[in-house]
Amino acid sequence: MDTIDCFTCKHFYITWEKSFPYGCKALGFKCKGMPSVEVFKASSKECLLHEQKAEGPKRDK
């Protein structure tokens, strides 16, 4: 199983809740693990709402 990387999705966010640190704005839930893994566990299908984040400006180091 090669799950989707939530960190590259524009709907993914980090919460302030210790018990549910990750969330998905598109699906409207928070969870302990990566949302894409939770979606796969519940439906046996990859997340269909994953959208690649837009590239931000390049930073000079």
PDB file of N, CA and C in Angstrom:
ATOM      1  N   MET A   1       0.847  -1.185   0.000  1.00  0.00           N
ATOM      2  CA  MET A   1       0.000   0.000   0.000  1.00  0.00           C
ATOM      3  C   MET A   1       0.887   1.241   0.000  1.00  0.00           C
ATOM      4  N   ASP A   2       0.710   2.100  -0.967  1.00  0.00           N
ATOM      5  CA  ASP A   2       1.465   3.341  -1.064  1.00  0.00           C
ATOM      6  C   ASP A   2       0.480   4.486  -0.848  1.00  0.00           C
ATOM      7  N   THR A   3       0.363   4.942   0.402  1.00  0.00           N
ATOM      8  CA  THR A   3      -0.645   5.947   0.726  1.00  0.00           C
ATOM      9  C   THR A   3      -0.245   7.341   0.263  1.00  0.00           C
ATOM     10  N   ILE A   4      -1.223   8.181   0.162  1.00  0.00           N
ATOM     11  CA  ILE A   4      -1.032   9.572  -0.242  1.00  0.00           C
ATOM     12  C   ILE A   4      -0.358  10.332   0.893  1.00  0.00           C
ATOM     13  N   ASP A   5       0.550  11.228   0.544  1.00  0.00           N
ATOM     14  CA  ASP A   5       1.251  12.040   1.534  1.00  0.00           C
ATOM     15  C   ASP A   5       0.412  13.275   1.851  1.00  0.00           C
ATOM     16  N   CYS A   6      -0.192  13.304   3.027  1.00  0.00           N
ATOM     17  CA  CYS A   6      -1.051  14.420   3.426  1.00  0.00           C
ATOM     18  C   CYS A   6      -0.297  15.739   3.515  1.00  0.00           C
ATOM     19  N   PHE A   7       0.988  15.693   3.795  1.00  0.00           N
ATOM     20  CA  PHE A   7       1.761  16.925   3.920  1.00  0.00           C
ATOM     21  C   PHE A   7       1.813  17.702   2.599  1.00  0.00           C
ATOM     22  N   THR A   8       1.529  17.048   1.485  1.00  0.00           N
ATOM     23  CA  THR A   8       1.530  17.722   0.185  1.00  0.00           C
ATOM     24  C   THR A   8       0.131  18.178  -0.235  1.00  0.00           C
ATOM     25  N   CYS A   9      -0.865  17.948   0.603  1.00  0.00           N
ATOM     26  CA  CYS A   9      -2.255  18.275   0.270  1.00  0.00           C
ATOM     27  C   CYS A   9      -2.665  19.627   0.852  1.00  0.00           C
ATOM     28  N   LYS A  10      -3.404  20.397   0.068  1.00  0.00           N
ATOM     29  CA  LYS A  10      -3.823  21.716   0.535  1.00  0.00           C
ATOM     30  C   LYS A  10      -4.921  21.650   1.598  1.00  0.00           C
ATOM     31  N   HIS A  11      -5.543  20.507   1.793  1.00  0.00           N
ATOM     32  CA  HIS A  11      -6.606  20.356   2.792  1.00  0.00           C
ATOM     33  C   HIS A  11      -6.075  19.909   4.159  1.00  0.00           C
ATOM     34  N   PHE A  12      -4.839  19.477   4.212  1.00  0.00           N
ATOM     35  CA  PHE A  12      -4.242  18.968   5.444  1.00  0.00           C
ATOM     36  C   PHE A  12      -3.865  20.114   6.373  1.00  0.00           C
ATOM     37  N   TYR A  13      -4.057  19.902   7.681  1.00  0.00           N
ATOM     38  CA  TYR A  13      -3.613  20.892   8.658  1.00  0.00           C
ATOM     39  C   TYR A  13      -3.238  20.227   9.974  1.00  0.00           C
ATOM     40  N   ILE A  14      -2.452  20.946  10.760  1.00  0.00           N
ATOM     41  CA  ILE A  14      -2.031  20.489  12.082  1.00  0.00           C
ATOM     42  C   ILE A  14      -2.921  21.210  13.095  1.00  0.00           C
ATOM     43  N   THR A  15      -3.506  20.467  14.018  1.00  0.00           N
ATOM     44  CA  THR A  15      -4.375  21.065  15.031  1.00  0.00           C
ATOM     45  C   THR A  15      -3.572  21.366  16.291  1.00  0.00           C
ATOM     46  N   TRP A  16      -4.204  22.002  17.257  1.00  0.00           N
ATOM     47  CA  TRP A  16      -3.603  22.261  18.563  1.00  0.00           C
ATOM     48  C   TRP A  16      -3.991  21.176  19.556  1.00  0.00           C
ATOM     49  N   GLU A  17      -4.806  20.226  19.130  1.00  0.00           N
ATOM     50  CA  GLU A  17      -5.293  19.185  20.026  1.00  0.00           C
ATOM     51  C   GLU A  17      -4.280  18.049  20.136  1.00  0.00           C
ATOM     52  N   LYS A  18      -3.873  17.777  21.359  1.00  0.00           N
ATOM     53  CA  LYS A  18      -2.874  16.734  21.588  1.00  0.00           C
ATOM     54  C   LYS A  18      -3.389  15.346  21.175  1.00  0.00           C
ATOM     55  N   SER A  19      -4.669  15.084  21.433  1.00  0.00           N
ATOM     56  CA  SER A  19      -5.217  13.761  21.132  1.00  0.00           C
ATOM     57  C   SER A  19      -5.572  13.578  19.648  1.00  0.00           C
ATOM     58  N   PHE A  20      -5.769  14.672  18.923  1.00  0.00           N
ATOM     59  CA  PHE A  20      -6.074  14.612  17.493  1.00  0.00           C
ATOM     60  C   PHE A  20      -5.237  15.673  16.771  1.00  0.00           C
ATOM     61  N   PRO A  21      -3.960  15.391  16.534  1.00  0.00           N
ATOM     62  CA  PRO A  21      -3.049  16.413  16.007  1.00  0.00           C
ATOM     63  C   PRO A  21      -3.156  16.727  14.512  1.00  0.00           C
ATOM     64  N   TYR A  22      -3.824  15.888  13.736  1.00  0.00           N
ATOM     65  CA  TYR A  22      -3.893  16.090  12.287  1.00  0.00           C
ATOM     66  C   TYR A  22      -5.341  16.225  11.835  1.00  0.00           C
ATOM     67  N   GLY A  23      -5.560  17.007  10.784  1.00  0.00           N
ATOM     68  CA  GLY A  23      -6.907  17.193  10.287  1.00  0.00           C
ATOM     69  C   GLY A  23      -6.975  17.321   8.782  1.00  0.00           C
ATOM     70  N   CYS A  24      -8.181  17.134   8.273  1.00  0.00           N
ATOM     71  CA  CYS A  24      -8.457  17.289   6.844  1.00  0.00           C
ATOM     72  C   CYS A  24      -9.640  18.237   6.698  1.00  0.00           C
ATOM     73  N   LYS A  25      -9.420  19.385   6.070  1.00  0.00           N
ATOM     74  CA  LYS A  25     -10.480  20.371   5.873  1.00  0.00           C
ATOM     75  C   LYS A  25     -11.516  19.883   4.868  1.00  0.00           C
ATOM     76  N   ALA A  26     -11.087  19.142   3.859  1.00  0.00           N
ATOM     77  CA  ALA A  26     -11.995  18.666   2.815  1.00  0.00           C
ATOM     78  C   ALA A  26     -12.998  17.652   3.370  1.00  0.00           C
ATOM     79  N   LEU A  27     -12.528  16.762   4.220  1.00  0.00           N
ATOM     80  CA  LEU A  27     -13.409  15.734   4.775  1.00  0.00           C
ATOM     81  C   LEU A  27     -13.988  16.119   6.132  1.00  0.00           C
ATOM     82  N   GLY A  28     -13.429  17.166   6.747  1.00  0.00           N
ATOM     83  CA  GLY A  28     -13.981  17.678   7.994  1.00  0.00           C
ATOM     84  C   GLY A  28     -13.777  16.807   9.209  1.00  0.00           C
ATOM     85  N   PHE A  29     -12.570  16.240   9.364  1.00  0.00           N
ATOM     86  CA  PHE A  29     -12.303  15.458  10.564  1.00  0.00           C
ATOM     87  C   PHE A  29     -10.875  15.637  11.039  1.00  0.00           C
ATOM     88  N   LYS A  30     -10.652  15.288  12.312  1.00  0.00           N
ATOM     89  CA  LYS A  30      -9.328  15.303  12.934  1.00  0.00           C
ATOM     90  C   LYS A  30      -9.025  13.888  13.372  1.00  0.00           C
ATOM     91  N   CYS A  31      -7.731  13.534  13.415  1.00  0.00           N
ATOM     92  CA  CYS A  31      -7.375  12.174  13.782  1.00  0.00           C
ATOM     93  C   CYS A  31      -5.980  12.121  14.401  1.00  0.00           C
ATOM     94  N   LYS A  32      -5.652  10.947  14.940  1.00  0.00           N
ATOM     95  CA  LYS A  32      -4.346  10.747  15.571  1.00  0.00           C
ATOM     96  C   LYS A  32      -3.247  10.509  14.543  1.00  0.00           C
ATOM     97  N   GLY A  33      -3.592   9.859  13.447  1.00  0.00           N
ATOM     98  CA  GLY A  33      -2.621   9.553  12.399  1.00  0.00           C
ATOM     99  C   GLY A  33      -2.890  10.393  11.159  1.00  0.00           C
ATOM    100  N   MET A  34      -2.243  10.051  10.082  1.00  0.00           N
ATOM    101  CA  MET A  34      -2.433  10.775   8.831  1.00  0.00           C
ATOM    102  C   MET A  34      -3.856  10.542   8.304  1.00  0.00           C
ATOM    103  N   PRO A  35      -4.540  11.598   7.898  1.00  0.00           N
ATOM    104  CA  PRO A  35      -5.903  11.441   7.374  1.00  0.00           C
ATOM    105  C   PRO A  35      -6.010  10.462   6.201  1.00  0.00           C
ATOM    106  N   SER A  36      -5.031  10.448   5.315  1.00  0.00           N
ATOM    107  CA  SER A  36      -5.102   9.532   4.167  1.00  0.00           C
ATOM    108  C   SER A  36      -5.083   8.071   4.610  1.00  0.00           C
ATOM    109  N   VAL A  37      -4.372   7.787   5.686  1.00  0.00           N
ATOM    110  CA  VAL A  37      -4.333   6.419   6.224  1.00  0.00           C
ATOM    111  C   VAL A  37      -5.689   6.065   6.830  1.00  0.00           C
ATOM    112  N   GLU A  38      -6.291   7.007   7.545  1.00  0.00           N
ATOM    113  CA  GLU A  38      -7.606   6.779   8.143  1.00  0.00           C
ATOM    114  C   GLU A  38      -8.670   6.566   7.068  1.00  0.00           C
ATOM    115  N   VAL A  39      -8.597   7.326   5.981  1.00  0.00           N
ATOM    116  CA  VAL A  39      -9.531   7.162   4.863  1.00  0.00           C
ATOM    117  C   VAL A  39      -9.371   5.772   4.262  1.00  0.00           C
ATOM    118  N   PHE A  40      -8.130   5.327   4.083  1.00  0.00           N
ATOM    119  CA  PHE A  40      -7.885   4.000   3.510  1.00  0.00           C
ATOM    120  C   PHE A  40      -8.405   2.894   4.439  1.00  0.00           C
ATOM    121  N   LYS A  41      -8.184   3.052   5.743  1.00  0.00           N
ATOM    122  CA  LYS A  41      -8.682   2.057   6.713  1.00  0.00           C
ATOM    123  C   LYS A  41     -10.202   1.951   6.659  1.00  0.00           C
ATOM    124  N   ALA A  42     -10.882   3.084   6.530  1.00  0.00           N
ATOM    125  CA  ALA A  42     -12.343   3.102   6.549  1.00  0.00           C
ATOM    126  C   ALA A  42     -12.974   2.637   5.239  1.00  0.00           C
ATOM    127  N   SER A  43     -12.320   2.934   4.112  1.00  0.00           N
ATOM    128  CA  SER A  43     -12.967   2.662   2.826  1.00  0.00           C
ATOM    129  C   SER A  43     -12.227   1.690   1.919  1.00  0.00           C
ATOM    130  N   SER A  44     -10.987   1.342   2.265  1.00  0.00           N
ATOM    131  CA  SER A  44     -10.120   0.510   1.423  1.00  0.00           C
ATOM    132  C   SER A  44      -9.824   1.168   0.077  1.00  0.00           C
ATOM    133  N   LYS A  45      -9.949   2.499   0.029  1.00  0.00           N
ATOM    134  CA  LYS A  45      -9.651   3.263  -1.186  1.00  0.00           C
ATOM    135  C   LYS A  45      -8.764   4.448  -0.827  1.00  0.00           C
ATOM    136  N   GLU A  46      -7.967   4.896  -1.786  1.00  0.00           N
ATOM    137  CA  GLU A  46      -7.129   6.074  -1.586  1.00  0.00           C
ATOM    138  C   GLU A  46      -8.035   7.305  -1.483  1.00  0.00           C
ATOM    139  N   CYS A  47      -7.550   8.340  -0.839  1.00  0.00           N
ATOM    140  CA  CYS A  47      -8.292   9.588  -0.703  1.00  0.00           C
ATOM    141  C   CYS A  47      -8.520  10.204  -2.082  1.00  0.00           C
ATOM    142  N   LEU A  48      -9.756  10.521  -2.393  1.00  0.00           N
ATOM    143  CA  LEU A  48     -10.090  11.090  -3.697  1.00  0.00           C
ATOM    144  C   LEU A  48     -10.095  12.619  -3.680  1.00  0.00           C
ATOM    145  N   LEU A  49      -9.910  13.211  -2.503  1.00  0.00           N
ATOM    146  CA  LEU A  49      -9.961  14.662  -2.385  1.00  0.00           C
ATOM    147  C   LEU A  49      -8.582  15.309  -2.254  1.00  0.00           C
ATOM    148  N   HIS A  50      -7.528  14.520  -2.408  1.00  0.00           N
ATOM    149  CA  HIS A  50      -6.166  15.061  -2.307  1.00  0.00           C
ATOM    150  C   HIS A  50      -5.925  16.057  -3.429  1.00  0.00           C
ATOM    151  N   GLU A  51      -5.468  17.261  -3.050  1.00  0.00           N
ATOM    152  CA  GLU A  51      -5.100  18.289  -4.028  1.00  0.00           C
ATOM    153  C   GLU A  51      -3.722  18.810  -3.672  1.00  0.00           C
ATOM    154  N   GLN A  52      -2.844  18.798  -4.636  1.00  0.00           N
ATOM    155  CA  GLN A  52      -1.470  19.243  -4.432  1.00  0.00           C
ATOM    156  C   GLN A  52      -1.451  20.702  -3.985  1.00  0.00           C
ATOM    157  N   LYS A  53      -0.611  21.005  -2.991  1.00  0.00           N
ATOM    158  CA  LYS A  53      -0.433  22.395  -2.551  1.00  0.00           C
ATOM    159  C   LYS A  53       0.211  23.198  -3.670  1.00  0.00           C
ATOM    160  N   ALA A  54      -0.155  24.462  -3.743  1.00  0.00           N
ATOM    161  CA  ALA A  54       0.488  25.353  -4.696  1.00  0.00           C
ATOM    162  C   ALA A  54       1.908  25.625  -4.226  1.00  0.00           C
ATOM    163  N   GLU A  55       2.818  25.748  -5.159  1.00  0.00           N
ATOM    164  CA  GLU A  55       4.205  26.049  -4.802  1.00  0.00           C
ATOM    165  C   GLU A  55       4.292  27.445  -4.228  1.00  0.00           C
ATOM    166  N   GLY A  56       4.938  27.563  -3.094  1.00  0.00           N
ATOM    167  CA  GLY A  56       5.142  28.860  -2.476  1.00  0.00           C
ATOM    168  C   GLY A  56       6.366  29.536  -3.034  1.00  0.00           C
ATOM    169  N   PRO A  57       6.608  30.761  -2.612  1.00  0.00           N
ATOM    170  CA  PRO A  57       7.810  31.462  -3.075  1.00  0.00           C
ATOM    171  C   PRO A  57       9.069  30.793  -2.546  1.00  0.00           C
ATOM    172  N   LYS A  58      10.106  30.811  -3.340  1.00  0.00           N
ATOM    173  CA  LYS A  58      11.397  30.240  -2.945  1.00  0.00           C
ATOM    174  C   LYS A  58      12.060  31.173  -1.942  1.00  0.00           C
ATOM    175  N   ARG A  59      12.648  30.596  -0.895  1.00  0.00           N
ATOM    176  CA  ARG A  59      13.334  31.388   0.105  1.00  0.00           C
ATOM    177  C   ARG A  59      14.826  31.360  -0.144  1.00  0.00           C
ATOM    178  N   ASP A  60      15.475  32.493   0.049  1.00  0.00           N
ATOM    179  CA  ASP A  60      16.937  32.547  -0.013  1.00  0.00           C
ATOM    180  C   ASP A  60      17.490  32.138   1.338  1.00  0.00           C
ATOM    181  N   LYS A  61      18.521  31.335   1.308  1.00  0.00           N
ATOM    182  CA  LYS A  61      19.097  30.864   2.574  1.00  0.00           C
ATOM    183  C   LYS A  61      20.274  31.695   2.968  1.00  0.00           C
TER     184      LYS A  61
END
